[in-house]
Amino acid sequence: MRALAVVPMRGGSKGLPGKNLMKINGEYLVDIVAKTIRTSQKFDTVVCSTDSEAIAKRALEAGLDVPFLRPAEISGDTVPTSAVISHTLQFLEDENHLGFTHVFVFQVTSPFVTVDLIKQAFEIFESDNNVDSVICGTAVSDKYHAYYQFGIDSGGLVRSAVKGAAPKRRQDLPKRFVRCGNLYATRVPSLKANRSLVSGNVRAIIVEPQFSLDIDSAEDLKEANERLRKVHGTK
């Protein structure tokens, strides 16, 4: 495997302005994630893709390579992450003559990635050639289970989210999971063919709910301070 790690950080943010340059527990988010990536010692190249000079400076100080500033046409809030990663791969291939078999994506607003998660993802790829992508997920609480969810149709009537009656006992409910952003990983040929970070045969690494927070609001940032202490064993 030749693995590339990409940390995409856009300068603009509507939900929580400036979130990519924020700190929790006195550390920049990018420093926390970069430290975990480096400690894993699994990647041939680790880069940051950003359109912001301030973020580029912080990323360099965190030990990431910043070989370019992202072009404006792939820097808007509607641009899919897959386009950002494809641009990074193409740049490294054209300008640095570097090729990769796998690409991992780490979001600094999902700071609960651990070295163990990274190693698990590598082990999945190495043990099964049929796996195209790896994601992280966490179990959905029973009280929010799909069997209890409903939608409302155009006529205002309730429609169950799942066909069929729910099991009578809560413990008999089938397990359901929701994606979280600790890491995304995919084979490069799959990304190029499908233009998606998640496609083909997908495996999931399940993480505990308390370590699956994605920071999108001031409340999330406050919660992350408490949770990160548990992940890294600090007080």
Protein backbone atom coordinates (compact mmCIF):
# COMPACT_ATOMS: atom_id res chain seq x y z
CA MET A 1 0.00 0.00 0.00
CA ARG A 2 1.03 3.53 -0.76
CA ALA A 3 -1.27 5.64 1.40
CA LEU A 4 -1.95 9.36 1.25
CA ALA A 5 -3.55 11.25 4.14
CA VAL A 6 -5.42 14.44 3.27
CA VAL A 7 -6.69 16.99 5.80
CA PRO A 8 -9.13 19.29 3.96
CA MET A 9 -9.72 22.64 5.68
CA ARG A 10 -11.76 25.33 4.00
CA GLY A 11 -11.44 28.94 5.14
CA GLY A 12 -15.16 29.67 5.13
CA SER A 13 -17.71 28.10 7.47
CA LYS A 14 -21.36 29.10 7.85
CA GLY A 15 -22.31 26.98 10.87
CA LEU A 16 -19.34 27.86 13.08
CA PRO A 17 -17.19 30.58 11.50
CA GLY A 18 -13.45 29.92 11.76
CA LYS A 19 -13.97 26.44 13.18
CA ASN A 20 -10.93 24.97 11.41
CA LEU A 21 -8.65 27.28 13.39
CA MET A 22 -10.28 26.71 16.76
CA LYS A 23 -8.82 25.03 19.83
CA ILE A 24 -10.04 22.48 22.31
CA ASN A 25 -8.23 21.83 25.55
CA GLY A 26 -5.70 24.47 24.54
CA GLU A 27 -4.71 22.72 21.29
CA TYR A 28 -5.60 23.62 17.74
CA LEU A 29 -7.91 21.04 16.17
CA VAL A 30 -5.45 20.55 13.30
CA ASP A 31 -2.61 19.93 15.77
CA ILE A 32 -4.60 17.17 17.47
CA VAL A 33 -5.49 15.39 14.24
CA ALA A 34 -2.03 15.87 12.69
CA LYS A 35 -0.39 14.39 15.78
CA THR A 36 -2.55 11.26 15.52
CA ILE A 37 -1.80 10.85 11.81
CA ARG A 38 1.95 11.21 12.36
CA THR A 39 1.96 8.88 15.37
CA SER A 40 0.31 6.11 13.33
CA GLN A 41 3.36 6.02 10.98
CA LYS A 42 1.15 4.53 8.29
CA PHE A 43 1.26 7.20 5.59
CA ASP A 44 3.74 7.92 2.82
CA THR A 45 2.55 11.52 2.45
CA VAL A 46 0.36 13.77 4.63
CA VAL A 47 -1.01 16.99 3.14
CA CYS A 48 -3.49 19.73 3.91
CA SER A 49 -5.77 21.07 1.18
CA THR A 50 -6.93 24.59 1.97
CA ASP A 51 -7.86 27.85 0.29
CA SER A 52 -6.76 29.93 3.30
CA GLU A 53 -3.28 31.32 3.90
CA ALA A 54 -3.94 31.47 7.66
CA ILE A 55 -4.95 27.81 7.73
CA ALA A 56 -1.98 26.88 5.53
CA LYS A 57 0.36 28.53 8.03
CA ARG A 58 -1.22 26.68 10.96
CA ALA A 59 -1.15 23.36 9.04
CA LEU A 60 2.57 23.76 8.31
CA GLU A 61 3.22 24.43 11.99
CA ALA A 62 1.29 21.25 12.79
CA GLY A 63 3.64 19.26 10.56
CA LEU A 64 1.45 18.89 7.48
CA ASP A 65 2.63 19.56 3.93
CA VAL A 66 0.76 22.31 2.09
CA PRO A 67 1.89 21.96 -1.53
CA PHE A 68 -0.73 24.38 -2.94
CA LEU A 69 -3.56 26.72 -2.09
CA ARG A 70 -6.83 25.23 -3.26
CA PRO A 71 -8.31 26.91 -6.37
CA ALA A 72 -11.45 28.98 -5.87
CA GLU A 73 -13.55 26.72 -8.10
CA ILE A 74 -13.25 23.85 -5.61
CA SER A 75 -13.40 25.94 -2.43
CA GLY A 76 -17.12 26.68 -2.09
CA ASP A 77 -19.40 25.14 0.51
CA THR A 78 -21.25 23.12 -2.14
CA VAL A 79 -18.13 21.43 -3.51
CA PRO A 80 -18.03 17.70 -2.59
CA THR A 81 -15.04 16.49 -0.60
CA SER A 82 -14.38 13.91 -3.31
CA ALA A 83 -13.58 16.73 -5.76
CA VAL A 84 -11.12 18.24 -3.27
CA ILE A 85 -9.38 14.89 -2.78
CA SER A 86 -9.30 14.17 -6.51
CA HIS A 87 -7.64 17.55 -7.08
CA THR A 88 -5.04 16.75 -4.41
CA LEU A 89 -4.24 13.37 -5.96
CA GLN A 90 -3.95 14.89 -9.42
CA PHE A 91 -1.70 17.72 -8.19
CA LEU A 92 0.66 15.32 -6.42
CA GLU A 93 0.77 13.09 -9.47
CA ASP A 94 1.38 15.92 -11.95
CA GLU A 95 3.68 18.16 -9.90
CA ASN A 96 5.43 15.76 -7.51
CA HIS A 97 5.19 12.56 -9.55
CA LEU A 98 3.63 10.76 -6.60
CA GLY A 99 1.11 7.96 -6.97
CA PHE A 100 -0.98 6.27 -4.28
CA THR A 101 -3.10 3.15 -3.93
CA HIS A 102 -5.21 4.43 -1.01
CA VAL A 103 -6.30 7.81 0.28
CA PHE A 104 -7.47 8.61 3.81
CA VAL A 105 -9.40 11.77 4.68
CA PHE A 106 -9.29 13.34 8.13
CA GLN A 107 -11.47 16.26 9.20
CA VAL A 108 -10.15 18.41 12.02
CA THR A 109 -13.74 18.96 13.14
CA SER A 110 -13.85 15.23 13.93
CA PRO A 111 -10.91 15.17 16.37
CA PHE A 112 -11.66 11.78 17.92
CA VAL A 113 -9.73 9.75 15.38
CA THR A 114 -7.17 7.51 17.09
CA VAL A 115 -4.12 5.58 15.98
CA ASP A 116 -6.05 2.38 16.62
CA LEU A 117 -8.81 3.43 14.19
CA ILE A 118 -6.24 4.16 11.51
CA LYS A 119 -4.58 0.80 12.01
CA GLN A 120 -7.95 -0.98 11.87
CA ALA A 121 -8.69 0.64 8.51
CA PHE A 122 -5.33 -0.45 7.12
CA GLU A 123 -5.92 -3.99 8.36
CA ILE A 124 -9.30 -4.11 6.60
CA PHE A 125 -7.77 -3.14 3.26
CA GLU A 126 -4.83 -5.49 3.70
CA SER A 127 -7.01 -8.48 4.63
CA ASP A 128 -9.72 -8.08 1.98
CA ASN A 129 -9.00 -6.97 -1.58
CA ASN A 130 -12.72 -6.68 -2.27
CA VAL A 131 -13.19 -3.76 0.13
CA ASP A 132 -13.29 -0.43 -1.71
CA SER A 133 -13.97 2.01 1.13
CA VAL A 134 -13.86 2.20 4.91
CA ILE A 135 -15.95 4.55 7.06
CA CYS A 136 -16.63 5.02 10.76
CA GLY A 137 -20.04 4.74 12.36
CA THR A 138 -21.69 4.67 15.74
CA ALA A 139 -24.79 2.90 17.00
CA VAL A 140 -28.07 4.78 16.97
CA SER A 141 -29.81 4.97 20.33
CA ASP A 142 -32.81 2.65 20.53
CA LYS A 143 -35.14 5.55 21.25
CA TYR A 144 -34.22 7.06 17.87
CA HIS A 145 -34.30 3.73 16.02
CA ALA A 146 -35.53 3.68 12.42
CA TYR A 147 -38.53 1.56 13.43
CA TYR A 148 -39.73 4.44 15.61
CA GLN A 149 -39.12 7.13 12.99
CA PHE A 150 -41.73 8.45 10.62
CA GLY A 151 -42.11 10.96 7.84
CA ILE A 152 -45.05 13.13 6.84
CA ASP A 153 -46.27 12.92 3.27
CA SER A 154 -47.58 15.75 1.08
CA GLY A 155 -51.07 15.20 2.45
CA GLY A 156 -49.92 15.59 6.04
CA LEU A 157 -50.23 11.89 6.89
CA VAL A 158 -47.68 9.98 8.95
CA ARG A 159 -45.65 7.39 7.06
CA SER A 160 -43.38 4.95 8.87
CA ALA A 161 -39.69 5.11 7.96
CA VAL A 162 -39.50 1.31 7.97
CA LYS A 163 -42.05 -1.07 6.49
CA GLY A 164 -43.42 -3.66 8.88
CA ALA A 165 -44.11 -3.64 12.58
CA ALA A 166 -41.32 -3.00 15.05
CA PRO A 167 -40.26 -5.90 17.29
CA LYS A 168 -42.29 -5.89 20.48
CA ARG A 169 -39.20 -6.05 22.68
CA ARG A 170 -36.67 -3.20 22.48
CA GLN A 171 -33.78 -5.64 22.80
CA ASP A 172 -34.93 -7.37 19.60
CA LEU A 173 -34.52 -4.26 17.46
CA PRO A 174 -31.95 -4.77 14.67
CA LYS A 175 -28.80 -2.72 15.13
CA ARG A 176 -28.68 0.54 13.20
CA PHE A 177 -25.72 2.87 12.81
CA VAL A 178 -25.04 6.43 11.68
CA ARG A 179 -21.92 7.59 9.91
CA CYS A 180 -19.43 9.74 11.81
CA GLY A 181 -16.42 11.61 10.47
CA ASN A 182 -13.47 10.12 12.34
CA LEU A 183 -11.97 8.97 9.05
CA TYR A 184 -12.84 8.10 5.48
CA ALA A 185 -10.62 5.83 3.41
CA THR A 186 -10.87 4.49 -0.12
CA ARG A 187 -8.88 2.83 -2.82
CA VAL A 188 -7.72 5.40 -5.37
CA PRO A 189 -9.05 3.46 -8.41
CA SER A 190 -12.48 3.38 -6.78
CA LEU A 191 -12.40 7.14 -6.11
CA LYS A 192 -11.42 7.85 -9.71
CA ALA A 193 -14.05 5.52 -11.16
CA ASN A 194 -16.95 6.58 -8.96
CA ARG A 195 -15.98 10.16 -8.02
CA SER A 196 -16.97 9.38 -4.45
CA LEU A 197 -15.13 8.82 -1.18
CA VAL A 198 -17.57 6.05 -0.29
CA SER A 199 -18.47 3.56 -3.01
CA GLY A 200 -18.42 -0.09 -3.96
CA ASN A 201 -17.96 -2.54 -1.11
CA VAL A 202 -17.87 -0.53 2.11
CA ARG A 203 -16.77 -1.70 5.55
CA ALA A 204 -17.42 0.21 8.76
CA ILE A 205 -15.44 0.59 11.96
CA ILE A 206 -17.86 1.09 14.83
CA VAL A 207 -16.84 3.59 17.49
CA GLU A 208 -18.39 4.40 20.83
CA PRO A 209 -21.02 7.20 20.67
CA GLN A 210 -19.06 9.48 23.01
CA PHE A 211 -16.17 9.50 20.53
CA SER A 212 -18.18 10.25 17.41
CA LEU A 213 -18.84 13.99 17.77
CA ASP A 214 -18.48 16.17 14.67
CA ILE A 215 -17.99 19.85 15.55
CA ASP A 216 -20.50 22.06 13.73
CA SER A 217 -21.65 24.48 16.47
CA ALA A 218 -20.44 26.28 19.58
CA GLU A 219 -22.25 23.64 21.67
CA ASP A 220 -20.36 20.88 19.85
CA LEU A 221 -17.08 22.66 20.56
CA LYS A 222 -17.86 22.80 24.26
CA GLU A 223 -18.84 19.14 24.29
CA ALA A 224 -15.66 18.21 22.42
CA ASN A 225 -13.54 19.72 25.20
CA GLU A 226 -15.00 17.24 27.65
CA ARG A 227 -14.91 14.25 25.37
CA LEU A 228 -11.35 14.77 24.15
CA ARG A 229 -10.07 14.60 27.72
CA LYS A 230 -11.44 11.07 27.87
CA VAL A 231 -9.94 10.02 24.53
CA HIS A 232 -6.44 11.22 25.38
CA GLY A 233 -6.59 10.55 29.10
CA THR A 234 -6.06 14.17 30.13
CA LYS A 235 -7.73 15.99 33.01
